[in-house]
C-alpha cells in the first residue's frame, strides 16, 4: 500500500516537466458559447498547475470536464492533490467525482474510445501516478465493509484493469 506522502511525491514527479504553454493558453482562450465553460477556463488562464487555488478546484464550477482535453491533462495533478487534501472534508466530493466519474473508463465502446482520446496526452509516468491515486483511494479511503465502499472498490479495480494499469493503451 502506498502512503499519502509517497503518492503526493509521485504525482509531483510525474508532472515535474509540465509547463504552462502557448497551446494550453490557446485552448483556454478558445471561445465557447457556454458561460460555464468560459467561467471555468478563466479560472485557469495563465496559471501553472501548482498555482490553482484549492477553492477553484473544489468549486462546482469549474468541473474538470469544462476546461478541455489539453488543459485537463495539464491540470489533472492539481485536481488529484486537492482531492487528497480534502478527502475527509464533509463538503468535498472531488475525490468521489474523480474516482467514480472522471477517471473511470466507460463500458460502451464509443464512449471508451473518447475516454482514451481524452487521456491520450498523459505520459506513461502520469498514467501510473493516476493509477497510484486510484489504488490509494481504494486502499485508504474506500476500505470499509459498507456496500457503497465495496462498489467503489470494484469500480476502481475495473478502472485500473481496463485503462490506468495498462502499459499499451487502445488507440483513441
Protein backbone atom coordinates (compact mmCIF):
# COMPACT_ATOMS: atom_id res chain seq x y z
CA UNK A 1 0.00 0.00 0.00
CA UNK A 2 1.29 3.43 -0.94
CA UNK A 3 1.46 6.13 1.72
CA UNK A 4 -0.02 9.55 1.07
CA UNK A 5 3.31 11.41 1.19
CA UNK A 6 4.77 9.00 -1.38
CA UNK A 7 1.71 9.39 -3.61
CA UNK A 8 1.99 13.17 -3.47
CA UNK A 9 5.68 12.91 -4.41
CA UNK A 10 4.83 10.60 -7.35
CA UNK A 11 2.18 13.00 -8.64
CA UNK A 12 4.59 15.94 -8.43
CA UNK A 13 7.35 13.91 -10.09
CA UNK A 14 5.07 12.73 -12.91
CA UNK A 15 4.18 16.32 -13.83
CA UNK A 16 7.55 17.88 -12.92
CA UNK A 17 8.32 18.71 -16.53
CA UNK A 18 4.86 20.01 -17.34
CA UNK A 19 4.90 23.73 -18.05
CA UNK A 20 2.13 26.16 -18.91
CA UNK A 21 2.40 26.55 -22.68
CA UNK A 22 1.05 28.62 -25.53
CA UNK A 23 -1.05 25.58 -26.52
CA UNK A 24 -2.69 25.42 -23.09
CA UNK A 25 -3.24 29.16 -23.17
CA UNK A 26 -4.84 28.94 -26.61
CA UNK A 27 -7.06 26.04 -25.54
CA UNK A 28 -8.26 28.04 -22.53
CA UNK A 29 -8.83 31.17 -24.62
CA UNK A 30 -10.84 29.36 -27.27
CA UNK A 31 -14.23 30.97 -27.37
CA UNK A 32 -17.14 28.83 -26.39
CA UNK A 33 -20.84 29.72 -26.30
CA UNK A 34 -21.33 28.12 -22.86
CA UNK A 35 -20.98 30.56 -19.94
CA UNK A 36 -19.97 27.73 -17.59
CA UNK A 37 -17.06 26.81 -19.83
CA UNK A 38 -15.91 30.43 -20.17
CA UNK A 39 -16.08 30.82 -16.38
CA UNK A 40 -14.11 27.62 -15.82
CA UNK A 41 -11.49 28.48 -18.41
CA UNK A 42 -10.97 31.95 -16.89
CA UNK A 43 -10.11 30.38 -13.51
CA UNK A 44 -7.15 28.55 -15.07
CA UNK A 45 -5.96 31.01 -17.71
CA UNK A 46 -2.30 31.95 -17.29
CA UNK A 47 -1.77 29.80 -14.20
CA UNK A 48 0.67 26.99 -13.59
CA UNK A 49 -0.99 23.78 -12.33
CA UNK A 50 0.58 24.33 -8.92
CA UNK A 51 -0.91 27.85 -8.66
CA UNK A 52 -4.60 26.96 -8.90
CA UNK A 53 -6.30 27.73 -5.57
CA UNK A 54 -7.93 24.77 -3.89
CA UNK A 55 -11.18 26.73 -3.74
CA UNK A 56 -11.26 26.77 -7.55
CA UNK A 57 -10.56 23.05 -7.76
CA UNK A 58 -13.30 22.24 -5.25
CA UNK A 59 -15.95 24.54 -6.71
CA UNK A 60 -18.95 23.11 -8.54
CA UNK A 61 -17.79 25.22 -11.45
CA UNK A 62 -15.24 24.68 -12.80
CA UNK A 63 -15.67 20.99 -13.25
CA UNK A 64 -12.59 19.38 -14.78
CA UNK A 65 -14.61 18.46 -17.85
CA UNK A 66 -15.27 22.11 -18.70
CA UNK A 67 -11.69 23.16 -19.39
CA UNK A 68 -10.98 20.87 -22.32
CA UNK A 69 -8.69 17.98 -23.14
CA UNK A 70 -5.25 19.63 -23.18
CA UNK A 71 -5.81 21.82 -20.11
CA UNK A 72 -7.32 18.88 -18.23
CA UNK A 73 -4.22 16.77 -18.89
CA UNK A 74 -2.05 19.62 -17.65
CA UNK A 75 -4.17 20.49 -14.56
CA UNK A 76 -5.03 16.90 -13.56
CA UNK A 77 -2.36 16.77 -10.82
CA UNK A 78 -3.90 19.82 -9.16
CA UNK A 79 -7.26 18.04 -9.03
CA UNK A 80 -5.66 14.85 -7.69
CA UNK A 81 -3.80 16.72 -4.96
CA UNK A 82 -6.86 18.78 -3.99
CA UNK A 83 -8.89 15.58 -3.70
CA UNK A 84 -6.26 14.10 -1.40
CA UNK A 85 -6.02 17.24 0.72
CA UNK A 86 -9.76 17.45 1.25
CA UNK A 87 -10.77 13.80 1.31
CA UNK A 88 -12.06 13.95 4.88
CA UNK A 89 -13.94 17.23 4.45
CA UNK A 90 -17.67 16.76 4.70
CA UNK A 91 -18.42 19.13 1.83
CA UNK A 92 -15.73 17.84 -0.56
CA UNK A 93 -16.87 15.46 -3.24
CA UNK A 94 -13.91 15.93 -5.57
CA UNK A 95 -12.38 12.54 -4.78
CA UNK A 96 -15.67 10.78 -5.43
CA UNK A 97 -16.14 12.71 -8.66
CA UNK A 98 -12.66 11.79 -9.89
CA UNK A 99 -12.80 8.13 -8.82
CA UNK A 100 -16.34 7.36 -9.87
CA UNK A 101 -16.73 9.56 -12.94
CA UNK A 102 -13.75 11.45 -14.38
CA UNK A 103 -11.13 8.68 -14.09
CA UNK A 104 -13.47 5.77 -14.69
CA UNK A 105 -13.45 4.42 -18.23
CA UNK A 106 -16.91 3.87 -19.70
CA UNK A 107 -18.10 0.42 -20.76
CA UNK A 108 -19.61 1.42 -24.12
CA UNK A 109 -17.11 1.14 -26.96
CA UNK A 110 -17.59 4.64 -28.44
CA UNK A 111 -17.51 6.31 -25.01
CA UNK A 112 -14.43 4.28 -24.08
CA UNK A 113 -12.69 5.40 -27.28
CA UNK A 114 -13.44 9.04 -26.37
CA UNK A 115 -12.14 8.46 -22.82
CA UNK A 116 -8.92 7.02 -24.28
CA UNK A 117 -8.58 10.03 -26.59
CA UNK A 118 -9.21 12.49 -23.72
CA UNK A 119 -6.40 10.94 -21.67
CA UNK A 120 -4.03 10.12 -24.52
CA UNK A 121 -1.92 13.21 -23.81
CA UNK A 122 -0.76 11.75 -20.49
CA UNK A 123 2.63 10.08 -20.37
CA UNK A 124 3.11 6.56 -19.04
CA UNK A 125 4.51 8.06 -15.84
CA UNK A 126 1.48 10.32 -15.45
CA UNK A 127 -0.93 7.42 -16.07
CA UNK A 128 0.94 5.41 -13.43
CA UNK A 129 0.54 8.32 -10.98
CA UNK A 130 -3.21 8.28 -11.67
CA UNK A 131 -3.26 4.50 -11.12
CA UNK A 132 -1.40 5.08 -7.82
CA UNK A 133 -4.00 7.69 -6.87
CA UNK A 134 -6.78 5.20 -7.58
CA UNK A 135 -5.01 2.47 -5.59
CA UNK A 136 -4.57 4.86 -2.67
CA UNK A 137 -8.26 5.74 -2.79
CA UNK A 138 -9.18 2.07 -2.87
CA UNK A 139 -6.87 1.06 -0.03
CA UNK A 140 -7.16 4.12 2.23
CA UNK A 141 -10.47 5.83 1.55
CA UNK A 142 -12.91 3.13 0.46
CA UNK A 143 -11.71 0.30 2.68
CA UNK A 144 -14.84 -0.34 4.74
CA UNK A 145 -17.35 -3.18 4.57
CA UNK A 146 -20.20 -0.90 3.52
CA UNK A 147 -21.82 -1.85 0.22
CA UNK A 148 -21.11 1.64 -1.19
CA UNK A 149 -17.38 1.28 -0.45
CA UNK A 150 -17.27 -2.23 -1.91
CA UNK A 151 -18.98 -0.96 -5.09
CA UNK A 152 -16.43 1.88 -5.40
CA UNK A 153 -13.57 -0.57 -4.87
CA UNK A 154 -14.91 -2.76 -7.69
CA UNK A 155 -15.12 0.29 -9.94
CA UNK A 156 -11.57 1.36 -9.05
CA UNK A 157 -10.23 -2.12 -9.74
CA UNK A 158 -12.06 -2.14 -13.06
CA UNK A 159 -10.64 1.30 -13.95
CA UNK A 160 -7.10 0.18 -13.21
CA UNK A 161 -7.54 -3.12 -15.03
CA UNK A 162 -9.17 -1.70 -18.16
CA UNK A 163 -7.21 1.54 -18.56
CA UNK A 164 -4.93 3.09 -15.95
CA UNK A 165 -2.86 -0.02 -15.24
CA UNK A 166 -2.27 -0.92 -18.87
CA UNK A 167 1.12 -0.38 -20.49
CA UNK A 168 -0.28 -0.31 -24.02
CA UNK A 169 -3.47 1.65 -24.43
CA UNK A 170 -6.10 1.33 -27.13
CA UNK A 171 -5.87 3.85 -29.92
CA UNK A 172 -8.16 6.75 -29.21
